């Protein structure tokens, strides 16, 4: 796996093209470490995850699995991400195939950019298995329920154009341009106040489970520290002075 930091964005590339970027234990641990770094570094506001060699990820490395490996990281889950994604926004940049656990990595991301040649799918049922890496939990939240049922029970692959049409994919690009477009999207996030970005993601993810009569009270607990931060004052001052804000993350 490769990592680099660009303009406040952590860029993570799964780099096992000889194995279609399938996930073994070492790769899962490396992804988990990259997610920890994204969450812990104040100079990183958002992330991008992609695959090298023209494909995103073919899921779990079955050869490694047969040798006794389990690509699961305590606390983070399969691939070091599906059980506990980063607290900061993460964009998937998809070229080629994102299937099985690869699709589950994509679904753990907040935003999806896909090349027109990309294909998604949860083909586990075709092998007598169940997509237990979060795919069945997240897919019905991202596409209409009956589409999620069809895709999950048939195991058939879904073209990027259809995924874009049903609003699973945020941006559709020409082949070879997914990472470039995902990085542009992540940069636009990273230019914003880091505390506000993180709090906004937290609220969006948690609010669906809040009782309606408690929603604003729970939101206040997350928002109030941001509103009283140095960054909030800097944002207002920069607007008044017609300049770009200089964020401190506090």
Protein backbone atom coordinates (compact mmCIF):
# COMPACT_ATOMS: atom_id res chain seq x y z
CA UNK A 1 0.00 0.00 0.00
CA UNK A 2 1.17 3.52 -0.81
CA UNK A 3 0.34 6.74 1.00
CA UNK A 4 0.98 10.39 0.30
CA UNK A 5 -0.32 13.67 1.69
CA UNK A 6 -1.53 16.32 -0.75
CA UNK A 7 -3.02 19.66 0.35
CA UNK A 8 -4.50 18.29 3.57
CA UNK A 9 -5.63 15.03 1.94
CA UNK A 10 -4.37 11.56 2.83
CA UNK A 11 -4.16 9.55 -0.41
CA UNK A 12 -4.10 5.77 0.08
CA UNK A 13 -3.42 3.43 -2.84
CA UNK A 14 -3.89 -0.32 -2.54
CA UNK A 15 -0.94 -1.51 -4.59
CA UNK A 16 -1.18 -5.26 -5.27
CA UNK A 17 -2.01 -5.25 -8.99
CA UNK A 18 -0.76 -8.81 -9.41
CA UNK A 19 -3.58 -9.89 -7.05
CA UNK A 20 -6.18 -7.39 -8.33
CA UNK A 21 -5.53 -5.48 -5.10
CA UNK A 22 -7.09 -8.26 -3.03
CA UNK A 23 -6.74 -7.74 0.71
CA UNK A 24 -4.38 -9.85 2.78
CA UNK A 25 -3.46 -9.28 6.41
CA UNK A 26 -0.51 -6.98 5.70
CA UNK A 27 -2.64 -4.78 3.44
CA UNK A 28 -5.46 -4.61 5.99
CA UNK A 29 -3.01 -3.55 8.68
CA UNK A 30 -1.50 -0.92 6.40
CA UNK A 31 -4.92 0.53 5.55
CA UNK A 32 -5.84 0.64 9.24
CA UNK A 33 -2.61 2.49 10.01
CA UNK A 34 -3.34 4.99 7.22
CA UNK A 35 -6.85 5.58 8.62
CA UNK A 36 -5.40 6.10 12.10
CA UNK A 37 -2.94 8.61 10.65
CA UNK A 38 -5.76 10.43 8.86
CA UNK A 39 -7.75 10.71 12.07
CA UNK A 40 -4.80 11.68 14.29
CA UNK A 41 -2.96 14.26 12.19
CA UNK A 42 -4.26 17.81 12.53
CA UNK A 43 -2.95 18.76 9.07
CA UNK A 44 -5.10 16.10 7.37
CA UNK A 45 -8.77 16.95 6.83
CA UNK A 46 -9.97 14.32 4.33
CA UNK A 47 -8.81 11.17 2.60
CA UNK A 48 -8.94 9.34 -0.73
CA UNK A 49 -8.61 5.59 -1.18
CA UNK A 50 -7.99 3.98 -4.56
CA UNK A 51 -6.39 0.96 -6.19
CA UNK A 52 -3.33 0.78 -8.40
CA UNK A 53 -3.02 -0.94 -11.77
CA UNK A 54 -6.44 -0.10 -13.17
CA UNK A 55 -8.64 -1.83 -10.63
CA UNK A 56 -9.92 -0.89 -7.19
CA UNK A 57 -10.08 -4.12 -5.19
CA UNK A 58 -11.24 -7.69 -5.78
CA UNK A 59 -12.04 -8.29 -2.12
CA UNK A 60 -10.34 -10.71 0.24
CA UNK A 61 -7.20 -12.49 -0.93
CA UNK A 62 -8.51 -16.06 -1.04
CA UNK A 63 -5.04 -17.57 -1.47
CA UNK A 64 -3.91 -15.85 1.72
CA UNK A 65 -7.14 -16.90 3.44
CA UNK A 66 -6.52 -20.56 2.55
CA UNK A 67 -3.09 -20.20 4.12
CA UNK A 68 -4.71 -19.14 7.38
CA UNK A 69 -4.66 -15.36 7.08
CA UNK A 70 -7.58 -13.26 8.28
CA UNK A 71 -7.37 -9.71 6.92
CA UNK A 72 -9.23 -8.24 9.88
CA UNK A 73 -7.86 -5.54 12.18
CA UNK A 74 -9.29 -5.33 15.72
CA UNK A 75 -11.48 -2.25 15.98
CA UNK A 76 -11.35 -1.47 12.25
CA UNK A 77 -12.61 -4.79 10.85
CA UNK A 78 -12.02 -6.26 7.40
CA UNK A 79 -9.41 -4.41 5.35
CA UNK A 80 -8.75 -2.18 8.33
CA UNK A 81 -11.74 0.02 7.49
CA UNK A 82 -15.21 -1.54 7.04
CA UNK A 83 -16.18 -1.86 10.70
CA UNK A 84 -14.81 1.52 11.75
CA UNK A 85 -14.17 3.99 8.91
CA UNK A 86 -12.18 7.13 9.71
CA UNK A 87 -13.85 9.96 11.57
CA UNK A 88 -12.80 12.30 8.76
CA UNK A 89 -14.37 12.24 5.28
CA UNK A 90 -13.09 9.60 2.88
CA UNK A 91 -13.55 9.52 -0.91
CA UNK A 92 -13.31 6.30 -2.93
CA UNK A 93 -11.70 6.63 -6.38
CA UNK A 94 -12.77 3.57 -8.36
CA UNK A 95 -11.31 2.26 -11.61
CA UNK A 96 -12.14 -1.23 -12.84
CA UNK A 97 -13.60 -3.71 -10.38
CA UNK A 98 -14.75 -3.04 -6.81
CA UNK A 99 -16.32 -6.35 -5.88
CA UNK A 100 -17.04 -8.33 -2.73
CA UNK A 101 -14.89 -6.87 0.04
CA UNK A 102 -13.67 -4.25 -2.43
CA UNK A 103 -17.22 -2.94 -2.80
CA UNK A 104 -17.58 -3.02 0.98
CA UNK A 105 -14.52 -0.77 1.27
CA UNK A 106 -16.18 1.62 -1.19
CA UNK A 107 -19.41 1.58 0.83
CA UNK A 108 -17.44 2.48 3.97
CA UNK A 109 -16.42 5.72 2.23
CA UNK A 110 -18.46 8.92 2.37
CA UNK A 111 -18.22 9.84 -1.31
CA UNK A 112 -17.61 7.77 -4.44
CA UNK A 113 -15.93 8.80 -7.70
CA UNK A 114 -15.96 6.15 -10.41
CA UNK A 115 -14.64 5.79 -13.93
CA UNK A 116 -17.18 4.77 -16.55
CA UNK A 117 -15.52 1.36 -16.82
CA UNK A 118 -15.92 0.62 -13.10
CA UNK A 119 -18.06 -2.26 -11.90
CA UNK A 120 -19.44 -2.89 -8.43
CA UNK A 121 -20.89 -6.01 -6.88
CA UNK A 122 -21.43 -8.32 -3.93
CA UNK A 123 -21.02 -11.74 -5.59
CA UNK A 124 -20.61 -13.67 -2.33
CA UNK A 125 -23.90 -15.56 -2.74
CA UNK A 126 -22.53 -17.07 -5.96
CA UNK A 127 -19.93 -18.83 -3.79
CA UNK A 128 -22.32 -19.81 -1.00
CA UNK A 129 -21.08 -16.97 1.20
CA UNK A 130 -22.59 -13.83 2.76
CA UNK A 131 -21.26 -10.29 2.31
CA UNK A 132 -20.52 -9.73 5.98
CA UNK A 133 -18.10 -6.80 5.67
CA UNK A 134 -20.79 -4.15 5.92
CA UNK A 135 -22.13 -4.41 2.38
CA UNK A 136 -25.56 -5.67 3.40
CA UNK A 137 -25.73 -3.07 6.17
CA UNK A 138 -24.73 -0.05 4.11
CA UNK A 139 -26.03 -0.75 0.61
CA UNK A 140 -29.75 -0.31 1.53
CA UNK A 141 -28.85 3.11 2.95
CA UNK A 142 -27.13 4.19 -0.27
CA UNK A 143 -29.49 2.95 -3.01
CA UNK A 144 -33.24 2.23 -3.15
CA UNK A 145 -34.05 -0.81 -1.00
CA UNK A 146 -35.30 -3.06 -3.79
CA UNK A 147 -32.17 -2.39 -5.85
CA UNK A 148 -30.03 -3.31 -2.83
CA UNK A 149 -32.02 -6.54 -2.50
CA UNK A 150 -31.62 -7.39 -6.20
CA UNK A 151 -27.90 -6.66 -6.28
CA UNK A 152 -27.25 -8.60 -3.08
CA UNK A 153 -29.36 -11.68 -3.86
CA UNK A 154 -28.30 -12.09 -7.49
CA UNK A 155 -24.65 -11.25 -6.95
CA UNK A 156 -24.57 -9.66 -10.40
CA UNK A 157 -22.15 -6.84 -11.18
CA UNK A 158 -23.40 -3.27 -11.55
CA UNK A 159 -22.01 -0.82 -14.10
CA UNK A 160 -20.79 2.57 -12.90
CA UNK A 161 -23.35 4.32 -15.11
CA UNK A 162 -26.23 2.66 -13.25
CA UNK A 163 -24.55 3.29 -9.89
CA UNK A 164 -24.32 6.96 -10.85
CA UNK A 165 -27.91 7.03 -12.09
CA UNK A 166 -29.20 5.82 -8.70
CA UNK A 167 -26.91 8.29 -6.90
CA UNK A 168 -24.55 5.76 -5.33
CA UNK A 169 -21.69 7.36 -7.28
CA UNK A 170 -21.15 11.10 -6.79
CA UNK A 171 -18.95 11.74 -9.83
CA UNK A 172 -18.59 9.74 -13.03
CA UNK A 173 -15.33 10.20 -14.96
CA UNK A 174 -13.55 8.93 -18.01
CA UNK A 175 -11.29 5.90 -17.42
CA UNK A 176 -8.04 6.90 -15.75
CA UNK A 177 -9.50 10.08 -14.24
CA UNK A 178 -11.15 8.78 -11.06
CA UNK A 179 -8.24 9.56 -8.73
CA UNK A 180 -7.75 13.04 -10.18
CA UNK A 181 -11.44 13.87 -9.72
CA UNK A 182 -11.58 12.30 -6.25
CA UNK A 183 -8.58 14.34 -5.20
CA UNK A 184 -10.26 17.53 -6.44
CA UNK A 185 -13.34 16.65 -4.39
CA UNK A 186 -11.28 15.86 -1.30
CA UNK A 187 -9.30 19.09 -1.69
CA UNK A 188 -12.55 21.08 -1.78
CA UNK A 189 -13.43 19.48 1.57
CA UNK A 190 -9.94 20.01 3.00
CA UNK A 191 -10.11 23.75 2.34
CA UNK A 192 -12.87 24.02 4.95
CA UNK A 193 -12.56 24.24 8.71
CA UNK A 194 -11.25 20.87 9.94
CA UNK A 195 -13.26 20.88 13.16
CA UNK A 196 -16.43 21.78 11.26
CA UNK A 197 -15.79 19.08 8.65
CA UNK A 198 -15.29 16.36 11.23
CA UNK A 199 -18.35 17.44 13.25
CA UNK A 200 -20.48 17.60 10.12
CA UNK A 201 -19.58 14.02 9.18
CA UNK A 202 -20.28 12.87 12.73
CA UNK A 203 -23.75 14.43 12.73
CA UNK A 204 -24.65 13.09 9.28
CA UNK A 205 -23.70 9.57 10.34
CA UNK A 206 -25.29 9.57 13.76
CA UNK A 207 -28.46 11.62 13.31
CA UNK A 208 -30.43 8.87 11.55
CA UNK A 209 -30.40 6.89 14.82
CA UNK A 210 -31.35 9.80 17.08
CA UNK A 211 -34.90 10.05 18.47
CA UNK A 212 -36.51 13.12 16.89
CA UNK A 213 -37.19 14.70 20.26
CA UNK A 214 -33.49 14.48 21.18
CA UNK A 215 -31.92 15.36 17.84
CA UNK A 216 -31.17 19.03 18.46
CA UNK A 217 -29.93 18.37 21.98
CA UNK A 218 -27.50 15.74 20.73
CA UNK A 219 -26.43 17.94 17.85
CA UNK A 220 -25.62 20.80 20.24
CA UNK A 221 -23.11 18.60 22.07
CA UNK A 222 -21.16 18.18 18.84
CA UNK A 223 -21.66 21.69 17.44
CA UNK A 224 -21.06 23.85 20.52
CA UNK A 225 -17.30 23.10 20.84
CA UNK A 226 -16.88 23.96 17.15
CA UNK A 227 -18.86 27.18 17.46
CA UNK A 228 -16.65 28.34 20.36
CA UNK A 229 -13.37 27.35 18.65
CA UNK A 230 -10.60 29.59 17.37
CA UNK A 231 -11.38 28.32 13.87
CA UNK A 232 -14.96 29.59 14.07
CA UNK A 233 -13.69 33.06 14.91
CA UNK A 234 -11.07 32.83 12.17
CA UNK A 235 -13.73 31.86 9.62
CA UNK A 236 -15.85 34.88 10.45
CA UNK A 237 -12.84 37.20 10.51
CA UNK A 238 -11.55 35.90 7.16
CA UNK A 239 -14.98 36.49 5.64
CA UNK A 240 -15.02 40.04 6.99
CA UNK A 241 -11.51 40.72 5.72
CA UNK A 242 -12.19 39.03 2.35
CA UNK A 243 -9.30 36.60 2.58
CA UNK A 244 -8.76 32.85 2.82
CA UNK A 245 -9.00 31.53 6.39
CA UNK A 246 -5.95 30.08 8.13
CA UNK A 247 -7.22 27.10 10.09
CA UNK A 248 -5.58 25.86 13.28
CA UNK A 249 -7.84 22.92 14.07
CA UNK A 250 -8.69 24.29 17.49
